[in-house]
PDB file of N, CA and C in Angstrom:
ATOM      1  N   UNK A   1     -13.477  -8.667   8.389  1.00  0.00           N
ATOM      2  CA  UNK A   1     -14.476  -8.500   9.572  1.00  0.00           C
ATOM      3  C   UNK A   1     -14.936  -7.040   9.458  1.00  0.00           C
ATOM      4  N   UNK A   2     -16.302  -7.129   9.582  1.00  0.00           N
ATOM      5  CA  UNK A   2     -16.955  -5.684   9.767  1.00  0.00           C
ATOM      6  C   UNK A   2     -16.838  -5.094  11.174  1.00  0.00           C
ATOM      7  N   UNK A   3     -16.562  -3.792  11.195  1.00  0.00           N
ATOM      8  CA  UNK A   3     -16.582  -3.051  12.458  1.00  0.00           C
ATOM      9  C   UNK A   3     -17.440  -1.937  12.291  1.00  0.00           C
ATOM     10  N   UNK A   4     -18.034  -1.396  13.293  1.00  0.00           N
ATOM     11  CA  UNK A   4     -18.869  -0.288  13.348  1.00  0.00           C
ATOM     12  C   UNK A   4     -17.985   0.834  14.061  1.00  0.00           C
ATOM     13  N   UNK A   5     -17.580   1.876  13.252  1.00  0.00           N
ATOM     14  CA  UNK A   5     -16.698   2.789  13.908  1.00  0.00           C
ATOM     15  C   UNK A   5     -17.353   4.234  13.597  1.00  0.00           C
ATOM     16  N   UNK A   6     -16.905   5.111  14.552  1.00  0.00           N
ATOM     17  CA  UNK A   6     -17.315   6.480  14.382  1.00  0.00           C
ATOM     18  C   UNK A   6     -16.003   7.211  13.868  1.00  0.00           C
ATOM     19  N   UNK A   7     -15.970   7.789  12.647  1.00  0.00           N
ATOM     20  CA  UNK A   7     -14.802   8.489  12.327  1.00  0.00           C
ATOM     21  C   UNK A   7     -15.297   9.883  11.584  1.00  0.00           C
ATOM     22  N   UNK A   8     -14.415  10.572  11.257  1.00  0.00           N
ATOM     23  CA  UNK A   8     -14.704  11.977  10.566  1.00  0.00           C
ATOM     24  C   UNK A   8     -14.895  11.515   9.165  1.00  0.00           C
ATOM     25  N   UNK A   9     -16.099  11.511   8.631  1.00  0.00           N
ATOM     26  CA  UNK A   9     -16.284  11.143   7.263  1.00  0.00           C
ATOM     27  C   UNK A   9     -15.562  11.972   6.129  1.00  0.00           C
ATOM     28  N   UNK A  10     -15.459  13.424   6.526  1.00  0.00           N
ATOM     29  CA  UNK A  10     -14.765  14.276   5.526  1.00  0.00           C
ATOM     30  C   UNK A  10     -13.309  13.799   5.313  1.00  0.00           C
ATOM     31  N   UNK A  11     -12.737  13.544   6.575  1.00  0.00           N
ATOM     32  CA  UNK A  11     -11.281  13.151   6.542  1.00  0.00           C
ATOM     33  C   UNK A  11     -11.165  11.718   5.886  1.00  0.00           C
ATOM     34  N   UNK A  12     -12.017  10.765   6.118  1.00  0.00           N
ATOM     35  CA  UNK A  12     -11.950   9.644   5.463  1.00  0.00           C
ATOM     36  C   UNK A  12     -12.058   9.663   3.883  1.00  0.00           C
ATOM     37  N   UNK A  13     -13.022  10.495   3.446  1.00  0.00           N
ATOM     38  CA  UNK A  13     -13.276  10.743   2.050  1.00  0.00           C
ATOM     39  C   UNK A  13     -12.029  11.420   1.540  1.00  0.00           C
ATOM     40  N   UNK A  14     -11.452  12.342   2.192  1.00  0.00           N
ATOM     41  CA  UNK A  14     -10.159  12.989   1.492  1.00  0.00           C
ATOM     42  C   UNK A  14      -9.052  12.201   1.547  1.00  0.00           C
ATOM     43  N   UNK A  15      -8.901  11.209   2.454  1.00  0.00           N
ATOM     44  CA  UNK A  15      -7.733  10.383   2.497  1.00  0.00           C
ATOM     45  C   UNK A  15      -7.980   9.219   1.237  1.00  0.00           C
ATOM     46  N   UNK A  16      -9.223   8.988   1.220  1.00  0.00           N
ATOM     47  CA  UNK A  16      -9.342   8.010   0.030  1.00  0.00           C
ATOM     48  C   UNK A  16      -9.071   8.659  -1.305  1.00  0.00           C
ATOM     49  N   UNK A  17      -9.587   9.919  -1.424  1.00  0.00           N
ATOM     50  CA  UNK A  17      -9.378  10.634  -2.715  1.00  0.00           C
ATOM     51  C   UNK A  17      -7.837  10.732  -2.944  1.00  0.00           C
ATOM     52  N   UNK A  18      -7.147  11.054  -2.004  1.00  0.00           N
ATOM     53  CA  UNK A  18      -5.535  11.276  -2.101  1.00  0.00           C
ATOM     54  C   UNK A  18      -4.980  10.026  -2.441  1.00  0.00           C
ATOM     55  N   UNK A  19      -5.419   8.836  -1.935  1.00  0.00           N
ATOM     56  CA  UNK A  19      -4.895   7.669  -2.106  1.00  0.00           C
ATOM     57  C   UNK A  19      -5.398   6.858  -3.362  1.00  0.00           C
ATOM     58  N   UNK A  20      -6.473   7.415  -3.979  1.00  0.00           N
ATOM     59  CA  UNK A  20      -7.130   6.830  -5.069  1.00  0.00           C
ATOM     60  C   UNK A  20      -7.660   5.491  -4.780  1.00  0.00           C
ATOM     61  N   UNK A  21      -8.337   5.316  -3.679  1.00  0.00           N
ATOM     62  CA  UNK A  21      -8.913   4.035  -3.172  1.00  0.00           C
ATOM     63  C   UNK A  21     -10.347   4.365  -2.655  1.00  0.00           C
ATOM     64  N   UNK A  22     -10.883   3.191  -2.258  1.00  0.00           N
ATOM     65  CA  UNK A  22     -12.265   3.403  -1.622  1.00  0.00           C
ATOM     66  C   UNK A  22     -12.090   3.802  -0.200  1.00  0.00           C
ATOM     67  N   UNK A  23     -13.123   4.369   0.383  1.00  0.00           N
ATOM     68  CA  UNK A  23     -13.095   4.690   1.811  1.00  0.00           C
ATOM     69  C   UNK A  23     -12.524   3.583   2.837  1.00  0.00           C
ATOM     70  N   UNK A  24     -13.236   2.399   2.514  1.00  0.00           N
ATOM     71  CA  UNK A  24     -12.816   1.240   3.364  1.00  0.00           C
ATOM     72  C   UNK A  24     -11.241   0.930   3.061  1.00  0.00           C
ATOM     73  N   UNK A  25     -10.894   1.000   1.927  1.00  0.00           N
ATOM     74  CA  UNK A  25      -9.444   0.726   1.652  1.00  0.00           C
ATOM     75  C   UNK A  25      -8.535   1.872   2.263  1.00  0.00           C
ATOM     76  N   UNK A  26      -8.939   2.910   2.364  1.00  0.00           N
ATOM     77  CA  UNK A  26      -8.245   3.986   2.939  1.00  0.00           C
ATOM     78  C   UNK A  26      -8.070   3.868   4.371  1.00  0.00           C
ATOM     79  N   UNK A  27      -9.166   3.519   5.064  1.00  0.00           N
ATOM     80  CA  UNK A  27      -9.129   3.249   6.541  1.00  0.00           C
ATOM     81  C   UNK A  27      -8.218   1.847   6.771  1.00  0.00           C
ATOM     82  N   UNK A  28      -8.350   0.921   5.949  1.00  0.00           N
ATOM     83  CA  UNK A  28      -7.470  -0.399   6.164  1.00  0.00           C
ATOM     84  C   UNK A  28      -6.064   0.042   6.093  1.00  0.00           C
ATOM     85  N   UNK A  29      -5.606   0.792   4.975  1.00  0.00           N
ATOM     86  CA  UNK A  29      -4.281   1.428   4.905  1.00  0.00           C
ATOM     87  C   UNK A  29      -3.663   2.187   5.947  1.00  0.00           C
ATOM     88  N   UNK A  30      -4.707   3.003   6.532  1.00  0.00           N
ATOM     89  CA  UNK A  30      -4.462   3.913   7.646  1.00  0.00           C
ATOM     90  C   UNK A  30      -4.000   3.052   8.929  1.00  0.00           C
ATOM     91  N   UNK A  31      -4.769   2.005   9.167  1.00  0.00           N
ATOM     92  CA  UNK A  31      -4.515   1.042  10.305  1.00  0.00           C
ATOM     93  C   UNK A  31      -3.198   0.429  10.104  1.00  0.00           C
ATOM     94  N   UNK A  32      -3.090  -0.052   8.877  1.00  0.00           N
ATOM     95  CA  UNK A  32      -1.900  -0.637   8.566  1.00  0.00           C
ATOM     96  C   UNK A  32      -0.503   0.277   8.721  1.00  0.00           C
ATOM     97  N   UNK A  33      -0.759   1.429   8.381  1.00  0.00           N
ATOM     98  CA  UNK A  33       0.390   2.437   8.497  1.00  0.00           C
ATOM     99  C   UNK A  33       0.652   2.781  10.032  1.00  0.00           C
ATOM    100  N   UNK A  34      -0.289   2.858  10.826  1.00  0.00           N
ATOM    101  CA  UNK A  34      -0.266   3.121  12.245  1.00  0.00           C
ATOM    102  C   UNK A  34       0.446   1.926  12.955  1.00  0.00           C
ATOM    103  N   UNK A  35       0.138   0.777  12.546  1.00  0.00           N
ATOM    104  CA  UNK A  35       0.733  -0.355  13.138  1.00  0.00           C
ATOM    105  C   UNK A  35       2.304  -0.378  12.791  1.00  0.00           C
ATOM    106  N   UNK A  36       2.485  -0.213  11.439  1.00  0.00           N
ATOM    107  CA  UNK A  36       3.883  -0.179  11.035  1.00  0.00           C
ATOM    108  C   UNK A  36       4.597   0.914  11.667  1.00  0.00           C
ATOM    109  N   UNK A  37       4.140   2.142  11.905  1.00  0.00           N
ATOM    110  CA  UNK A  37       4.801   3.245  12.464  1.00  0.00           C
ATOM    111  C   UNK A  37       5.113   2.855  13.934  1.00  0.00           C
ATOM    112  N   UNK A  38       4.293   2.307  14.589  1.00  0.00           N
ATOM    113  CA  UNK A  38       4.612   1.740  16.046  1.00  0.00           C
ATOM    114  C   UNK A  38       5.631   0.829  16.004  1.00  0.00           C
ATOM    115  N   UNK A  39       5.932  -0.071  15.121  1.00  0.00           N
ATOM    116  CA  UNK A  39       6.886  -1.110  15.020  1.00  0.00           C
ATOM    117  C   UNK A  39       8.217  -0.344  14.753  1.00  0.00           C
ATOM    118  N   UNK A  40       8.116   0.615  13.845  1.00  0.00           N
ATOM    119  CA  UNK A  40       9.488   1.497  13.395  1.00  0.00           C
ATOM    120  C   UNK A  40       9.919   2.267  14.846  1.00  0.00           C
ATOM    121  N   UNK A  41       8.923   2.870  15.394  1.00  0.00           N
ATOM    122  CA  UNK A  41       9.332   3.631  16.580  1.00  0.00           C
ATOM    123  C   UNK A  41       9.762   2.708  17.684  1.00  0.00           C
ATOM    124  N   UNK A  42       9.365   1.528  17.928  1.00  0.00           N
ATOM    125  CA  UNK A  42       9.840   0.552  18.811  1.00  0.00           C
ATOM    126  C   UNK A  42      11.370   0.167  18.469  1.00  0.00           C
ATOM    127  N   UNK A  43      11.593  -0.112  17.201  1.00  0.00           N
ATOM    128  CA  UNK A  43      12.844  -0.341  16.828  1.00  0.00           C
ATOM    129  C   UNK A  43      13.885   0.762  17.048  1.00  0.00           C
ATOM    130  N   UNK A  44      13.435   2.060  16.670  1.00  0.00           N
ATOM    131  CA  UNK A  44      14.217   3.249  17.024  1.00  0.00           C
ATOM    132  C   UNK A  44      14.550   3.403  18.516  1.00  0.00           C
ATOM    133  N   UNK A  45      13.538   3.241  19.412  1.00  0.00           N
ATOM    134  CA  UNK A  45      13.658   3.316  20.769  1.00  0.00           C
ATOM    135  C   UNK A  45      14.742   2.081  21.265  1.00  0.00           C
ATOM    136  N   UNK A  46      14.643   0.995  20.651  1.00  0.00           N
ATOM    137  CA  UNK A  46      15.511  -0.135  21.062  1.00  0.00           C
ATOM    138  C   UNK A  46      16.979   0.212  20.652  1.00  0.00           C
ATOM    139  N   UNK A  47      17.063   0.855  19.474  1.00  0.00           N
ATOM    140  CA  UNK A  47      18.485   1.186  19.077  1.00  0.00           C
ATOM    141  C   UNK A  47      18.978   2.321  20.027  1.00  0.00           C
ATOM    142  N   UNK A  48      18.144   3.300  20.408  1.00  0.00           N
ATOM    143  CA  UNK A  48      18.597   4.312  21.198  1.00  0.00           C
ATOM    144  C   UNK A  48      18.948   3.848  22.785  1.00  0.00           C
ATOM    145  N   UNK A  49      18.209   2.801  23.144  1.00  0.00           N
ATOM    146  CA  UNK A  49      18.406   2.097  24.408  1.00  0.00           C
ATOM    147  C   UNK A  49      19.786   1.313  24.426  1.00  0.00           C
ATOM    148  N   UNK A  50      20.252   0.979  23.233  1.00  0.00           N
ATOM    149  CA  UNK A  50      21.442   0.231  23.018  1.00  0.00           C
ATOM    150  C   UNK A  50      22.725   1.134  22.680  1.00  0.00           C
ATOM    151  N   UNK A  51      22.518   2.423  22.686  1.00  0.00           N
ATOM    152  CA  UNK A  51      23.504   3.408  22.533  1.00  0.00           C
ATOM    153  C   UNK A  51      23.532   3.997  21.172  1.00  0.00           C
ATOM    154  N   UNK A  52      22.479   3.693  20.352  1.00  0.00           N
ATOM    155  CA  UNK A  52      22.470   4.299  19.017  1.00  0.00           C
ATOM    156  C   UNK A  52      23.035   3.443  17.968  1.00  0.00           C
ATOM    157  N   UNK A  53      23.345   4.005  16.925  1.00  0.00           N
ATOM    158  CA  UNK A  53      23.918   3.556  15.703  1.00  0.00           C
ATOM    159  C   UNK A  53      25.495   3.908  15.619  1.00  0.00           C
ATOM    160  N   UNK A  54      26.296   2.848  15.426  1.00  0.00           N
ATOM    161  CA  UNK A  54      27.709   3.074  15.241  1.00  0.00           C
ATOM    162  C   UNK A  54      27.755   3.592  13.868  1.00  0.00           C
ATOM    163  N   UNK A  55      28.438   4.785  13.680  1.00  0.00           N
ATOM    164  CA  UNK A  55      28.668   5.142  12.324  1.00  0.00           C
ATOM    165  C   UNK A  55      30.179   4.846  11.849  1.00  0.00           C
ATOM    166  N   UNK A  56      30.299   3.782  11.390  1.00  0.00           N
ATOM    167  CA  UNK A  56      31.717   3.232  11.243  1.00  0.00           C
ATOM    168  C   UNK A  56      32.399   3.991   9.928  1.00  0.00           C
ATOM    169  N   UNK A  57      31.413   4.646   9.105  1.00  0.00           N
ATOM    170  CA  UNK A  57      32.120   5.188   7.920  1.00  0.00           C
ATOM    171  C   UNK A  57      32.141   6.778   8.131  1.00  0.00           C
ATOM    172  N   UNK A  58      31.697   7.356   9.230  1.00  0.00           N
ATOM    173  CA  UNK A  58      31.708   8.668   9.627  1.00  0.00           C
ATOM    174  C   UNK A  58      30.852   9.441   8.726  1.00  0.00           C
ATOM    175  N   UNK A  59      29.773   9.129   8.318  1.00  0.00           N
ATOM    176  CA  UNK A  59      28.933   9.801   7.374  1.00  0.00           C
ATOM    177  C   UNK A  59      27.726  10.524   8.064  1.00  0.00           C
ATOM    178  N   UNK A  60      27.278  10.194   9.216  1.00  0.00           N
ATOM    179  CA  UNK A  60      26.141  10.642   9.928  1.00  0.00           C
ATOM    180  C   UNK A  60      26.642  11.945  10.559  1.00  0.00           C
ATOM    181  N   UNK A  61      25.591  12.999  10.622  1.00  0.00           N
ATOM    182  CA  UNK A  61      26.021  14.200  11.413  1.00  0.00           C
ATOM    183  C   UNK A  61      26.116  14.009  12.787  1.00  0.00           C
ATOM    184  N   UNK A  62      26.814  14.622  13.450  1.00  0.00           N
ATOM    185  CA  UNK A  62      27.042  14.460  14.874  1.00  0.00           C
ATOM    186  C   UNK A  62      25.894  15.286  15.586  1.00  0.00           C
ATOM    187  N   UNK A  63      25.299  14.686  16.564  1.00  0.00           N
ATOM    188  CA  UNK A  63      24.154  15.358  17.351  1.00  0.00           C
ATOM    189  C   UNK A  63      24.601  16.688  17.947  1.00  0.00           C
ATOM    190  N   UNK A  64      25.789  16.755  18.176  1.00  0.00           N
ATOM    191  CA  UNK A  64      26.231  18.017  18.894  1.00  0.00           C
ATOM    192  C   UNK A  64      26.274  19.171  17.856  1.00  0.00           C
ATOM    193  N   UNK A  65      26.267  18.743  16.531  1.00  0.00           N
ATOM    194  CA  UNK A  65      26.170  19.867  15.456  1.00  0.00           C
ATOM    195  C   UNK A  65      24.864  20.448  15.051  1.00  0.00           C
ATOM    196  N   UNK A  66      23.716  19.839  15.640  1.00  0.00           N
ATOM    197  CA  UNK A  66      22.460  20.317  15.365  1.00  0.00           C
ATOM    198  C   UNK A  66      22.245  21.539  16.009  1.00  0.00           C
TER     199      UNK A  66
END
């Protein structure tokens, strides 16, 4: 679907160059990345709300050590 968007052309060009893709492809990938990041953050918030991750093997650093 075509959309008419106002974006920073220089930034889109730079992103496309770095990813080795077209500008349209870079924008599609950026949207996919933003949606995936929101899903990851929702999962992390859900884990936090449930008390975090149980480290049954004792390998994770203790938050108090930070």
